[in-house]
Amino acid sequence: MITPDDTKTRIIFAAMKAVRQYGLEGARIQNVSELAGISPGALYRYFESKDQLLVECFTYVDRQAAAIFDHLKFDPRTMLTDPMRAVKDLWLPYFRFWVAHPDETIFYHRFRDSAFFPRYDKVREVDYFDSFNGMVRAFREMFPGLKQMNQDLLWLHVLSSTVMYAKYVVEGVVPDNQETQDTVFRLLATGLSSYLQPKSSVEEKGI
């Protein structure tokens, strides 16, 4: 496994920074090599092409995101006592990861939003998300209604939207504070329905 001070890892981080600065299409190998502090020729010793480099950048970040769930303490019993709290306890570290890694967040969002990604997504290996998938299975068994939903739409809504909102935070569009975290989670979990209440009901509940 590569370590943080390896040249290959330095190139990966430089590539993500270049994509943040110049865009997915605008980033050039010359930009990456300058940010990595190496020559373009040296870069090609590690990556055959820009496309290969971008795929490895995505996999690197995707594995980091998946590893979040490897280290979370998950007690299925909390799904019965406070299901929303159980979901938020899993979601919040994921959201905070993206907010804490601006280059990775903007790269990841742009890569997933590219015309190339749908084809790549169908063939890529995602076994490193086993911990997350295990948690999802536990929720689906506890709440069968989740099985009735289109799973692709469900996880695009939850995971991709989380990255999108984190991108807004790192770009300064919305503030990095508790209110943002709470509002984003509430929108993801309950949508507008939790806000569309008559004024009298809101006042009674103290919302």
N, C-alpha and C. Protein backbone atom coordinates (compact mmCIF):
# COMPACT_ATOMS: atom_id res chain seq x y z
N MET A 1 0.86 -1.21 0.00
CA MET A 1 0.00 0.00 0.00
C MET A 1 0.88 1.24 0.00
N ILE A 2 0.52 2.23 -0.82
CA ILE A 2 1.33 3.43 -0.90
C ILE A 2 1.18 4.26 0.36
N THR A 3 2.22 4.96 0.73
CA THR A 3 2.22 5.81 1.92
C THR A 3 2.10 7.26 1.49
N PRO A 4 1.71 8.14 2.43
CA PRO A 4 1.46 9.54 2.08
C PRO A 4 2.64 10.27 1.44
N ASP A 5 3.87 9.83 1.72
CA ASP A 5 5.02 10.56 1.18
C ASP A 5 5.53 9.95 -0.11
N ASP A 6 4.86 8.94 -0.63
CA ASP A 6 5.26 8.36 -1.90
C ASP A 6 5.04 9.34 -3.05
N THR A 7 5.87 9.23 -4.06
CA THR A 7 5.71 10.08 -5.24
C THR A 7 4.35 9.86 -5.89
N LYS A 8 3.92 8.60 -5.94
CA LYS A 8 2.63 8.30 -6.57
C LYS A 8 1.49 9.00 -5.84
N THR A 9 1.54 8.97 -4.52
CA THR A 9 0.49 9.63 -3.75
C THR A 9 0.55 11.13 -3.94
N ARG A 10 1.77 11.67 -4.02
CA ARG A 10 1.93 13.11 -4.23
C ARG A 10 1.32 13.53 -5.57
N ILE A 11 1.49 12.68 -6.58
CA ILE A 11 0.91 12.96 -7.89
C ILE A 11 -0.62 12.94 -7.81
N ILE A 12 -1.16 11.97 -7.08
CA ILE A 12 -2.61 11.87 -6.93
C ILE A 12 -3.18 13.12 -6.28
N PHE A 13 -2.55 13.57 -5.21
CA PHE A 13 -3.03 14.78 -4.54
C PHE A 13 -2.87 16.01 -5.44
N ALA A 14 -1.79 16.05 -6.20
CA ALA A 14 -1.57 17.17 -7.12
C ALA A 14 -2.63 17.18 -8.22
N ALA A 15 -3.00 16.00 -8.69
CA ALA A 15 -4.02 15.90 -9.74
C ALA A 15 -5.37 16.40 -9.24
N MET A 16 -5.72 16.04 -8.02
CA MET A 16 -7.00 16.51 -7.47
C MET A 16 -6.98 18.02 -7.28
N LYS A 17 -5.86 18.55 -6.86
CA LYS A 17 -5.74 20.01 -6.71
C LYS A 17 -5.85 20.69 -8.07
N ALA A 18 -5.25 20.08 -9.10
CA ALA A 18 -5.31 20.64 -10.45
C ALA A 18 -6.75 20.65 -10.97
N VAL A 19 -7.48 19.58 -10.69
CA VAL A 19 -8.88 19.52 -11.12
C VAL A 19 -9.70 20.58 -10.40
N ARG A 20 -9.39 20.81 -9.14
CA ARG A 20 -10.10 21.86 -8.40
C ARG A 20 -9.81 23.22 -9.01
N GLN A 21 -8.58 23.46 -9.43
CA GLN A 21 -8.19 24.77 -9.94
C GLN A 21 -8.61 24.99 -11.40
N TYR A 22 -8.48 23.92 -12.22
CA TYR A 22 -8.66 24.09 -13.66
C TYR A 22 -9.87 23.34 -14.24
N GLY A 23 -10.52 22.51 -13.43
CA GLY A 23 -11.62 21.71 -13.93
C GLY A 23 -11.14 20.36 -14.42
N LEU A 24 -12.08 19.44 -14.60
CA LEU A 24 -11.72 18.08 -15.00
C LEU A 24 -11.13 18.06 -16.41
N GLU A 25 -11.72 18.80 -17.32
CA GLU A 25 -11.21 18.84 -18.69
C GLU A 25 -10.02 19.78 -18.81
N GLY A 26 -10.02 20.85 -18.03
CA GLY A 26 -8.96 21.85 -18.16
C GLY A 26 -7.64 21.47 -17.53
N ALA A 27 -7.65 20.57 -16.57
CA ALA A 27 -6.41 20.16 -15.91
C ALA A 27 -5.52 19.40 -16.89
N ARG A 28 -4.26 19.77 -16.97
CA ARG A 28 -3.31 19.15 -17.87
C ARG A 28 -2.21 18.45 -17.07
N ILE A 29 -1.56 17.51 -17.74
CA ILE A 29 -0.44 16.80 -17.10
C ILE A 29 0.62 17.79 -16.63
N GLN A 30 0.83 18.85 -17.41
CA GLN A 30 1.81 19.87 -17.03
C GLN A 30 1.41 20.53 -15.70
N ASN A 31 0.12 20.81 -15.54
CA ASN A 31 -0.36 21.39 -14.28
C ASN A 31 -0.10 20.46 -13.11
N VAL A 32 -0.38 19.18 -13.32
CA VAL A 32 -0.21 18.18 -12.26
C VAL A 32 1.26 18.04 -11.89
N SER A 33 2.12 17.95 -12.89
CA SER A 33 3.54 17.76 -12.61
C SER A 33 4.12 18.97 -11.87
N GLU A 34 3.68 20.16 -12.22
CA GLU A 34 4.15 21.36 -11.52
C GLU A 34 3.71 21.35 -10.06
N LEU A 35 2.46 20.98 -9.81
CA LEU A 35 1.96 20.94 -8.44
C LEU A 35 2.62 19.82 -7.63
N ALA A 36 2.99 18.74 -8.32
CA ALA A 36 3.64 17.61 -7.64
C ALA A 36 5.14 17.81 -7.47
N GLY A 37 5.68 18.79 -8.19
CA GLY A 37 7.11 19.06 -8.10
C GLY A 37 7.97 18.04 -8.82
N ILE A 38 7.44 17.48 -9.92
CA ILE A 38 8.20 16.52 -10.72
C ILE A 38 8.04 16.88 -12.19
N SER A 39 8.81 16.23 -13.04
CA SER A 39 8.70 16.48 -14.47
C SER A 39 7.56 15.66 -15.06
N PRO A 40 6.99 16.11 -16.18
CA PRO A 40 5.95 15.31 -16.83
C PRO A 40 6.42 13.90 -17.17
N GLY A 41 7.67 13.78 -17.56
CA GLY A 41 8.21 12.46 -17.88
C GLY A 41 8.20 11.53 -16.69
N ALA A 42 8.54 12.08 -15.52
CA ALA A 42 8.54 11.27 -14.30
C ALA A 42 7.12 10.83 -13.95
N LEU A 43 6.16 11.70 -14.22
CA LEU A 43 4.76 11.35 -13.91
C LEU A 43 4.32 10.14 -14.72
N TYR A 44 4.75 10.07 -15.98
CA TYR A 44 4.33 8.95 -16.84
C TYR A 44 4.96 7.63 -16.43
N ARG A 45 5.91 7.66 -15.52
CA ARG A 45 6.44 6.40 -15.00
C ARG A 45 5.44 5.76 -14.03
N TYR A 46 4.51 6.55 -13.54
CA TYR A 46 3.52 6.04 -12.58
C TYR A 46 2.13 5.88 -13.21
N PHE A 47 1.83 6.70 -14.20
CA PHE A 47 0.50 6.66 -14.82
C PHE A 47 0.66 6.75 -16.33
N GLU A 48 -0.04 5.89 -17.04
CA GLU A 48 0.09 5.83 -18.49
C GLU A 48 -0.59 7.01 -19.18
N SER A 49 -1.63 7.54 -18.56
CA SER A 49 -2.40 8.60 -19.20
C SER A 49 -3.12 9.43 -18.15
N LYS A 50 -3.66 10.53 -18.59
CA LYS A 50 -4.45 11.37 -17.69
C LYS A 50 -5.69 10.63 -17.22
N ASP A 51 -6.32 9.86 -18.12
CA ASP A 51 -7.51 9.11 -17.74
C ASP A 51 -7.21 8.11 -16.62
N GLN A 52 -6.10 7.40 -16.74
CA GLN A 52 -5.74 6.45 -15.70
C GLN A 52 -5.48 7.16 -14.38
N LEU A 53 -4.83 8.30 -14.45
CA LEU A 53 -4.55 9.08 -13.24
C LEU A 53 -5.85 9.50 -12.56
N LEU A 54 -6.80 9.98 -13.33
CA LEU A 54 -8.07 10.43 -12.75
C LEU A 54 -8.83 9.28 -12.11
N VAL A 55 -8.81 8.12 -12.75
CA VAL A 55 -9.48 6.95 -12.17
C VAL A 55 -8.82 6.56 -10.86
N GLU A 56 -7.51 6.60 -10.81
CA GLU A 56 -6.81 6.24 -9.57
C GLU A 56 -7.05 7.28 -8.48
N CYS A 57 -7.19 8.53 -8.87
CA CYS A 57 -7.55 9.57 -7.90
C CYS A 57 -8.91 9.27 -7.29
N PHE A 58 -9.86 8.92 -8.16
CA PHE A 58 -11.21 8.63 -7.68
C PHE A 58 -11.20 7.43 -6.74
N THR A 59 -10.50 6.38 -7.13
CA THR A 59 -10.45 5.17 -6.29
C THR A 59 -9.80 5.47 -4.95
N TYR A 60 -8.76 6.28 -4.97
CA TYR A 60 -8.06 6.65 -3.73
C TYR A 60 -9.03 7.33 -2.76
N VAL A 61 -9.78 8.31 -3.26
CA VAL A 61 -10.70 9.04 -2.40
C VAL A 61 -11.89 8.17 -2.02
N ASP A 62 -12.38 7.40 -2.96
CA ASP A 62 -13.52 6.52 -2.69
C ASP A 62 -13.19 5.54 -1.57
N ARG A 63 -11.98 5.01 -1.57
CA ARG A 63 -11.56 4.10 -0.50
C ARG A 63 -11.46 4.82 0.84
N GLN A 64 -10.99 6.05 0.82
CA GLN A 64 -10.94 6.82 2.06
C GLN A 64 -12.34 7.05 2.62
N ALA A 65 -13.27 7.37 1.74
CA ALA A 65 -14.65 7.59 2.18
C ALA A 65 -15.25 6.30 2.74
N ALA A 66 -14.97 5.18 2.08
CA ALA A 66 -15.50 3.90 2.55
C ALA A 66 -14.92 3.52 3.90
N ALA A 67 -13.66 3.87 4.12
CA ALA A 67 -12.98 3.51 5.38
C ALA A 67 -13.62 4.18 6.59
N ILE A 68 -14.33 5.27 6.37
CA ILE A 68 -15.03 5.94 7.48
C ILE A 68 -15.94 4.96 8.18
N PHE A 69 -16.65 4.16 7.40
CA PHE A 69 -17.63 3.23 7.97
C PHE A 69 -16.97 2.00 8.60
N ASP A 70 -15.71 1.75 8.22
CA ASP A 70 -14.98 0.63 8.84
C ASP A 70 -14.71 0.91 10.31
N HIS A 71 -14.65 2.19 10.68
CA HIS A 71 -14.22 2.56 12.03
C HIS A 71 -15.37 3.08 12.90
N LEU A 72 -16.57 3.12 12.36
CA LEU A 72 -17.70 3.60 13.14
C LEU A 72 -18.29 2.49 14.00
N LYS A 73 -18.70 2.85 15.20
CA LYS A 73 -19.39 1.89 16.06
C LYS A 73 -20.87 1.92 15.71
N PHE A 74 -21.37 0.78 15.32
CA PHE A 74 -22.76 0.70 14.86
C PHE A 74 -23.51 -0.34 15.68
N ASP A 75 -24.48 0.11 16.44
CA ASP A 75 -25.31 -0.77 17.25
C ASP A 75 -26.71 -0.83 16.63
N PRO A 76 -27.05 -1.94 15.98
CA PRO A 76 -28.36 -2.04 15.32
C PRO A 76 -29.54 -1.77 16.24
N ARG A 77 -29.36 -1.96 17.54
CA ARG A 77 -30.47 -1.74 18.47
C ARG A 77 -30.93 -0.28 18.49
N THR A 78 -30.00 0.64 18.18
CA THR A 78 -30.39 2.05 18.19
C THR A 78 -31.37 2.39 17.07
N MET A 79 -31.44 1.52 16.06
CA MET A 79 -32.39 1.76 14.98
C MET A 79 -33.83 1.69 15.48
N LEU A 80 -34.05 0.92 16.54
CA LEU A 80 -35.39 0.80 17.10
C LEU A 80 -35.73 1.96 18.02
N THR A 81 -34.78 2.34 18.85
CA THR A 81 -35.04 3.38 19.84
C THR A 81 -35.03 4.78 19.24
N ASP A 82 -34.13 5.03 18.28
CA ASP A 82 -34.02 6.36 17.67
C ASP A 82 -33.43 6.23 16.28
N PRO A 83 -34.23 5.80 15.30
CA PRO A 83 -33.69 5.54 13.96
C PRO A 83 -33.04 6.75 13.30
N MET A 84 -33.61 7.94 13.50
CA MET A 84 -33.02 9.13 12.88
C MET A 84 -31.65 9.43 13.48
N ARG A 85 -31.50 9.22 14.78
CA ARG A 85 -30.21 9.43 15.42
C ARG A 85 -29.21 8.40 14.91
N ALA A 86 -29.67 7.17 14.71
CA ALA A 86 -28.78 6.12 14.19
C ALA A 86 -28.26 6.48 12.81
N VAL A 87 -29.16 7.01 11.97
CA VAL A 87 -28.75 7.42 10.62
C VAL A 87 -27.79 8.60 10.69
N LYS A 88 -28.11 9.58 11.52
CA LYS A 88 -27.26 10.77 11.59
C LYS A 88 -25.88 10.44 12.14
N ASP A 89 -25.80 9.50 13.08
CA ASP A 89 -24.50 9.12 13.64
C ASP A 89 -23.60 8.49 12.57
N LEU A 90 -24.20 7.88 11.56
CA LEU A 90 -23.43 7.32 10.45
C LEU A 90 -23.15 8.37 9.39
N TRP A 91 -24.11 9.24 9.17
CA TRP A 91 -23.98 10.24 8.10
C TRP A 91 -23.01 11.35 8.45
N LEU A 92 -23.02 11.82 9.69
CA LEU A 92 -22.25 13.01 10.05
C LEU A 92 -20.75 12.85 9.82
N PRO A 93 -20.10 11.73 10.20
CA PRO A 93 -18.68 11.58 9.91
C PRO A 93 -18.39 11.61 8.41
N TYR A 94 -19.32 11.08 7.62
CA TYR A 94 -19.17 11.09 6.16
C TYR A 94 -19.19 12.53 5.64
N PHE A 95 -20.15 13.31 6.09
CA PHE A 95 -20.25 14.71 5.68
C PHE A 95 -19.02 15.49 6.12
N ARG A 96 -18.59 15.29 7.35
CA ARG A 96 -17.43 16.01 7.88
C ARG A 96 -16.15 15.66 7.14
N PHE A 97 -16.04 14.41 6.69
CA PHE A 97 -14.86 14.02 5.92
C PHE A 97 -14.74 14.88 4.67
N TRP A 98 -15.83 15.05 3.96
CA TRP A 98 -15.78 15.83 2.72
C TRP A 98 -15.51 17.31 3.00
N VAL A 99 -16.10 17.85 4.03
CA VAL A 99 -15.86 19.25 4.37
C VAL A 99 -14.39 19.47 4.74
N ALA A 100 -13.77 18.48 5.35
CA ALA A 100 -12.38 18.61 5.79
C ALA A 100 -11.37 18.38 4.67
N HIS A 101 -11.83 17.96 3.49
CA HIS A 101 -10.92 17.65 2.38
C HIS A 101 -11.40 18.35 1.11
N PRO A 102 -11.16 19.66 0.99
CA PRO A 102 -11.70 20.43 -0.13
C PRO A 102 -11.29 19.93 -1.52
N ASP A 103 -9.99 19.67 -1.72
CA ASP A 103 -9.55 19.22 -3.04
C ASP A 103 -10.23 17.91 -3.43
N GLU A 104 -10.27 16.98 -2.47
CA GLU A 104 -10.88 15.69 -2.73
C GLU A 104 -12.37 15.83 -3.04
N THR A 105 -13.03 16.71 -2.29
CA THR A 105 -14.48 16.88 -2.45
C THR A 105 -14.83 17.41 -3.83
N ILE A 106 -14.15 18.46 -4.25
CA ILE A 106 -14.46 19.06 -5.55
C ILE A 106 -14.07 18.12 -6.68
N PHE A 107 -12.93 17.44 -6.55
CA PHE A 107 -12.55 16.45 -7.56
C PHE A 107 -13.60 15.36 -7.66
N TYR A 108 -13.97 14.79 -6.52
CA TYR A 108 -14.91 13.67 -6.47
C TYR A 108 -16.25 14.06 -7.10
N HIS A 109 -16.72 15.24 -6.76
CA HIS A 109 -18.00 15.71 -7.31
C HIS A 109 -17.90 15.87 -8.82
N ARG A 110 -16.83 16.46 -9.30
CA ARG A 110 -16.68 16.69 -10.74
C ARG A 110 -16.50 15.38 -11.50
N PHE A 111 -15.76 14.45 -10.91
CA PHE A 111 -15.53 13.17 -11.58
C PHE A 111 -16.85 12.39 -11.69
N ARG A 112 -17.61 12.36 -10.60
CA ARG A 112 -18.89 11.65 -10.62
C ARG A 112 -19.89 12.32 -11.56
N ASP A 113 -19.73 13.60 -11.79
CA ASP A 113 -20.64 14.36 -12.65
C ASP A 113 -20.22 14.34 -14.11
N SER A 114 -19.11 13.68 -14.41
CA SER A 114 -18.59 13.67 -15.78
C SER A 114 -19.34 12.66 -16.65
N ALA A 115 -19.25 12.86 -17.97
CA ALA A 115 -19.91 11.94 -18.91
C ALA A 115 -19.28 10.56 -18.85
N PHE A 116 -18.04 10.47 -18.42
CA PHE A 116 -17.31 9.21 -18.36
C PHE A 116 -17.79 8.32 -17.21
N PHE A 117 -18.24 8.93 -16.12
CA PHE A 117 -18.47 8.17 -14.89
C PHE A 117 -19.53 7.08 -14.99
N PRO A 118 -20.70 7.30 -15.61
CA PRO A 118 -21.70 6.22 -15.64
C PRO A 118 -21.17 4.91 -16.22
N ARG A 119 -20.36 4.98 -17.27
CA ARG A 119 -19.79 3.76 -17.85
C ARG A 119 -18.80 3.13 -16.89
N TYR A 120 -17.97 3.94 -16.30
CA TYR A 120 -16.97 3.45 -15.34
C TYR A 120 -17.65 2.86 -14.11
N ASP A 121 -18.72 3.47 -13.66
CA ASP A 121 -19.40 3.04 -12.44
C ASP A 121 -19.96 1.62 -12.58
N LYS A 122 -20.31 1.22 -13.80
CA LYS A 122 -20.89 -0.11 -14.01
C LYS A 122 -19.86 -1.23 -13.90
N VAL A 123 -18.58 -0.91 -14.06
CA VAL A 123 -17.56 -1.97 -14.08
C VAL A 123 -16.57 -1.89 -12.92
N ARG A 124 -16.62 -0.83 -12.13
CA ARG A 124 -15.64 -0.69 -11.07
C ARG A 124 -15.94 -1.61 -9.89
N GLU A 125 -14.89 -1.97 -9.17
CA GLU A 125 -15.02 -2.80 -7.98
C GLU A 125 -15.29 -1.91 -6.77
N VAL A 126 -16.25 -2.31 -5.94
CA VAL A 126 -16.58 -1.51 -4.76
C VAL A 126 -16.65 -2.39 -3.51
N ASP A 127 -15.86 -3.47 -3.50
CA ASP A 127 -15.88 -4.37 -2.35
C ASP A 127 -15.40 -3.68 -1.08
N TYR A 128 -14.68 -2.57 -1.21
CA TYR A 128 -14.20 -1.87 -0.03
C TYR A 128 -15.33 -1.13 0.70
N PHE A 129 -16.54 -1.14 0.14
CA PHE A 129 -17.70 -0.58 0.83
C PHE A 129 -18.48 -1.64 1.61
N ASP A 130 -17.85 -2.76 1.92
CA ASP A 130 -18.55 -3.86 2.60
C ASP A 130 -19.14 -3.43 3.94
N SER A 131 -18.39 -2.65 4.71
CA SER A 131 -18.90 -2.22 6.02
C SER A 131 -20.16 -1.37 5.86
N PHE A 132 -20.11 -0.44 4.93
CA PHE A 132 -21.27 0.40 4.67
C PHE A 132 -22.45 -0.43 4.18
N ASN A 133 -22.19 -1.36 3.27
CA ASN A 133 -23.27 -2.20 2.75
C ASN A 133 -23.89 -3.05 3.85
N GLY A 134 -23.08 -3.49 4.80
CA GLY A 134 -23.61 -4.26 5.92
C GLY A 134 -24.57 -3.43 6.76
N MET A 135 -24.23 -2.17 6.97
CA MET A 135 -25.12 -1.27 7.71
C MET A 135 -26.42 -1.03 6.95
N VAL A 136 -26.30 -0.88 5.64
CA VAL A 136 -27.49 -0.68 4.81
C VAL A 136 -28.41 -1.90 4.90
N ARG A 137 -27.82 -3.09 4.84
CA ARG A 137 -28.64 -4.31 4.94
C ARG A 137 -29.38 -4.37 6.28
N ALA A 138 -28.71 -3.94 7.34
CA ALA A 138 -29.35 -3.95 8.66
C ALA A 138 -30.56 -3.01 8.67
N PHE A 139 -30.42 -1.83 8.08
CA PHE A 139 -31.53 -0.89 8.02
C PHE A 139 -32.67 -1.43 7.16
N ARG A 140 -32.33 -2.08 6.07
CA ARG A 140 -33.37 -2.60 5.18
C ARG A 140 -34.15 -3.73 5.84
N GLU A 141 -33.47 -4.53 6.64
CA GLU A 141 -34.17 -5.60 7.35
C GLU A 141 -35.07 -5.03 8.44
N MET A 142 -34.61 -3.98 9.08
CA MET A 142 -35.39 -3.38 10.16
C MET A 142 -36.56 -2.56 9.61
N PHE A 143 -36.34 -1.93 8.45
CA PHE A 143 -37.37 -1.07 7.85
C PHE A 143 -37.61 -1.53 6.40
N PRO A 144 -38.47 -2.54 6.21
CA PRO A 144 -38.69 -3.13 4.88
C PRO A 144 -39.13 -2.13 3.81
N GLY A 145 -39.70 -1.00 4.24
CA GLY A 145 -40.12 0.00 3.26
C GLY A 145 -38.97 0.50 2.41
N LEU A 146 -37.76 0.45 2.94
CA LEU A 146 -36.59 0.89 2.18
C LEU A 146 -36.36 0.02 0.95
N LYS A 147 -36.79 -1.26 1.04
CA LYS A 147 -36.59 -2.18 -0.08
C LYS A 147 -37.47 -1.82 -1.27
N GLN A 148 -38.54 -1.08 -1.01
CA GLN A 148 -39.47 -0.73 -2.08
C GLN A 148 -38.97 0.45 -2.92
N MET A 149 -37.96 1.13 -2.43
CA MET A 149 -37.43 2.29 -3.13
C MET A 149 -36.43 1.86 -4.19
N ASN A 150 -36.31 2.65 -5.25
CA ASN A 150 -35.26 2.44 -6.24
C ASN A 150 -33.92 2.69 -5.55
N GLN A 151 -33.11 1.64 -5.42
CA GLN A 151 -31.89 1.74 -4.64
C GLN A 151 -30.88 2.71 -5.25
N ASP A 152 -30.81 2.75 -6.58
CA ASP A 152 -29.89 3.69 -7.23
C ASP A 152 -30.27 5.13 -6.89
N LEU A 153 -31.56 5.43 -6.95
CA LEU A 153 -32.01 6.79 -6.63
C LEU A 153 -31.80 7.10 -5.15
N LEU A 154 -32.04 6.11 -4.30
CA LEU A 154 -31.88 6.32 -2.86
C LEU A 154 -30.46 6.74 -2.52
N TRP A 155 -29.48 5.99 -3.03
CA TRP A 155 -28.09 6.28 -2.64
C TRP A 155 -27.50 7.44 -3.41
N LEU A 156 -28.02 7.70 -4.62
CA LEU A 156 -27.64 8.94 -5.29
C LEU A 156 -28.12 10.14 -4.47
N HIS A 157 -29.32 10.02 -3.94
CA HIS A 157 -29.88 11.10 -3.12
C HIS A 157 -29.05 11.32 -1.86
N VAL A 158 -28.75 10.25 -1.15
CA VAL A 158 -28.07 10.38 0.14
C VAL A 158 -26.59 10.69 -0.02
N LEU A 159 -25.88 9.85 -0.76
CA LEU A 159 -24.42 9.98 -0.83
C LEU A 159 -23.98 11.11 -1.75
N SER A 160 -24.52 11.13 -2.97
CA SER A 160 -24.10 12.18 -3.91
C SER A 160 -24.53 13.56 -3.44
N SER A 161 -25.72 13.65 -2.86
CA SER A 161 -26.18 14.96 -2.36
C SER A 161 -25.33 15.43 -1.20
N THR A 162 -24.88 14.49 -0.37
CA THR A 162 -23.99 14.86 0.74
C THR A 162 -22.71 15.49 0.22
N VAL A 163 -22.12 14.88 -0.81
CA VAL A 163 -20.90 15.43 -1.40
C VAL A 163 -21.19 16.79 -2.02
N MET A 164 -22.33 16.93 -2.67
CA MET A 164 -22.68 18.22 -3.29
C MET A 164 -22.78 19.33 -2.24
N TYR A 165 -23.46 19.05 -1.13
CA TYR A 165 -23.58 20.06 -0.08
C TYR A 165 -22.23 20.36 0.56
N ALA A 166 -21.40 19.34 0.72
CA ALA A 166 -20.05 19.57 1.26
C ALA A 166 -19.25 20.45 0.31
N LYS A 167 -19.45 20.27 -0.99
CA LYS A 167 -18.78 21.11 -1.98
C LYS A 167 -19.20 22.57 -1.80
N TYR A 168 -20.48 22.79 -1.55
CA TYR A 168 -20.95 24.16 -1.32
C TYR A 168 -20.27 24.77 -0.09
N VAL A 169 -20.02 23.94 0.92
CA VAL A 169 -19.35 24.43 2.13
C VAL A 169 -17.91 24.81 1.81
N VAL A 170 -17.16 23.92 1.16
CA VAL A 170 -15.74 24.19 0.92
C VAL A 170 -15.55 25.33 -0.08
N GLU A 171 -16.56 25.57 -0.92
CA GLU A 171 -16.49 26.69 -1.86
C GLU A 171 -16.96 28.00 -1.24
N GLY A 172 -17.44 27.93 0.00
CA GLY A 172 -17.88 29.14 0.68
C GLY A 172 -19.28 29.60 0.33
N VAL A 173 -20.03 28.76 -0.37
CA VAL A 173 -21.40 29.12 -0.74
C VAL A 173 -22.30 29.12 0.49
N VAL A 174 -22.09 28.15 1.37
CA VAL A 174 -22.82 28.08 2.65
C VAL A 174 -21.79 27.96 3.76
N PRO A 175 -22.10 28.41 4.97
CA PRO A 175 -21.12 28.40 6.07
C PRO A 175 -20.87 26.99 6.62
N ASP A 176 -19.69 26.82 7.16
CA ASP A 176 -19.32 25.56 7.81
C ASP A 176 -19.67 25.68 9.28
N ASN A 177 -20.92 25.35 9.61
CA ASN A 177 -21.34 25.46 11.00
C ASN A 177 -22.40 24.40 11.32
N GLN A 178 -22.83 24.39 12.57
CA GLN A 178 -23.79 23.39 13.03
C GLN A 178 -25.12 23.51 12.31
N GLU A 179 -25.54 24.74 12.05
CA GLU A 179 -26.82 24.95 11.37
C GLU A 179 -26.82 24.31 9.99
N THR A 180 -25.70 24.46 9.27
CA THR A 180 -25.60 23.85 7.95
C THR A 180 -25.69 22.33 8.04
N GLN A 181 -24.94 21.75 8.98
CA GLN A 181 -24.98 20.29 9.16
C GLN A 181 -26.40 19.82 9.44
N ASP A 182 -27.07 20.49 10.38
CA ASP A 182 -28.42 20.07 10.77
C ASP A 182 -29.41 20.23 9.62
N THR A 183 -29.30 21.33 8.89
CA THR A 183 -30.23 21.58 7.79
C THR A 183 -30.03 20.60 6.65
N VAL A 184 -28.78 20.33 6.30
CA VAL A 184 -28.49 19.37 5.23
C VAL A 184 -29.03 18.00 5.60
N PHE A 185 -28.76 17.57 6.83
CA PHE A 185 -29.25 16.25 7.23
C PHE A 185 -30.77 16.20 7.21
N ARG A 186 -31.40 17.24 7.68
CA ARG A 186 -32.86 17.27 7.72
C ARG A 186 -33.45 17.22 6.31
N LEU A 187 -32.84 17.94 5.38
CA LEU A 187 -33.30 17.91 3.99
C LEU A 187 -33.12 16.53 3.38
N LEU A 188 -31.96 15.90 3.65
CA LEU A 188 -31.71 14.57 3.11
C LEU A 188 -32.64 13.53 3.71
N ALA A 189 -32.90 13.65 5.01
CA ALA A 189 -33.66 12.62 5.72
C ALA A 189 -35.17 12.76 5.55
N THR A 190 -35.66 13.99 5.53
CA THR A 190 -37.12 14.18 5.50
C THR A 190 -37.59 15.08 4.37
N GLY A 191 -36.65 15.68 3.62
CA GLY A 191 -37.05 16.55 2.53
C GLY A 191 -37.75 17.81 3.04
N LEU A 192 -38.55 18.38 2.18
CA LEU A 192 -39.27 19.61 2.55
C LEU A 192 -40.45 19.34 3.47
N SER A 193 -40.85 18.07 3.58
CA SER A 193 -42.06 17.77 4.35
C SER A 193 -41.97 18.23 5.80
N SER A 194 -40.75 18.17 6.37
CA SER A 194 -40.62 18.59 7.77
C SER A 194 -40.72 20.10 7.94
N TYR A 195 -40.60 20.84 6.82
CA TYR A 195 -40.70 22.30 6.88
C TYR A 195 -42.08 22.80 6.47
N LEU A 196 -42.81 21.99 5.73
CA LEU A 196 -44.11 22.43 5.20
C LEU A 196 -45.21 22.16 6.22
N GLN A 197 -45.19 22.95 7.27
CA GLN A 197 -46.20 22.84 8.31
C GLN A 197 -46.86 24.20 8.51
N PRO A 198 -48.17 24.20 8.83
CA PRO A 198 -48.84 25.48 9.09
C PRO A 198 -48.16 26.24 10.22
N LYS A 199 -48.28 27.54 10.19
CA LYS A 199 -47.62 28.38 11.19
C LYS A 199 -48.01 27.98 12.60
N SER A 200 -49.27 27.66 12.85
CA SER A 200 -49.72 27.30 14.19
C SER A 200 -49.03 26.04 14.68
N SER A 201 -48.83 25.05 13.78
CA SER A 201 -48.17 23.80 14.17
C SER A 201 -46.72 24.05 14.50
N VAL A 202 -46.07 24.90 13.72
CA VAL A 202 -44.67 25.22 13.96
C VAL A 202 -44.50 25.89 15.31
N GLU A 203 -45.40 26.83 15.63
CA GLU A 203 -45.31 27.54 16.91
C GLU A 203 -45.56 26.60 18.08
N GLU A 204 -46.49 25.66 17.91
CA GLU A 204 -46.79 24.72 18.98
C GLU A 204 -45.60 23.81 19.27
N LYS A 205 -44.89 23.43 18.20
CA LYS A 205 -43.75 22.53 18.36
C LYS A 205 -42.47 23.27 18.70
N GLY A 206 -42.50 24.59 18.59
CA GLY A 206 -41.31 25.38 18.88
C GLY A 206 -40.24 25.26 17.84
N ILE A 207 -40.62 24.99 16.59
CA ILE A 207 -39.65 24.85 15.49
C ILE A 207 -39.21 26.22 15.01
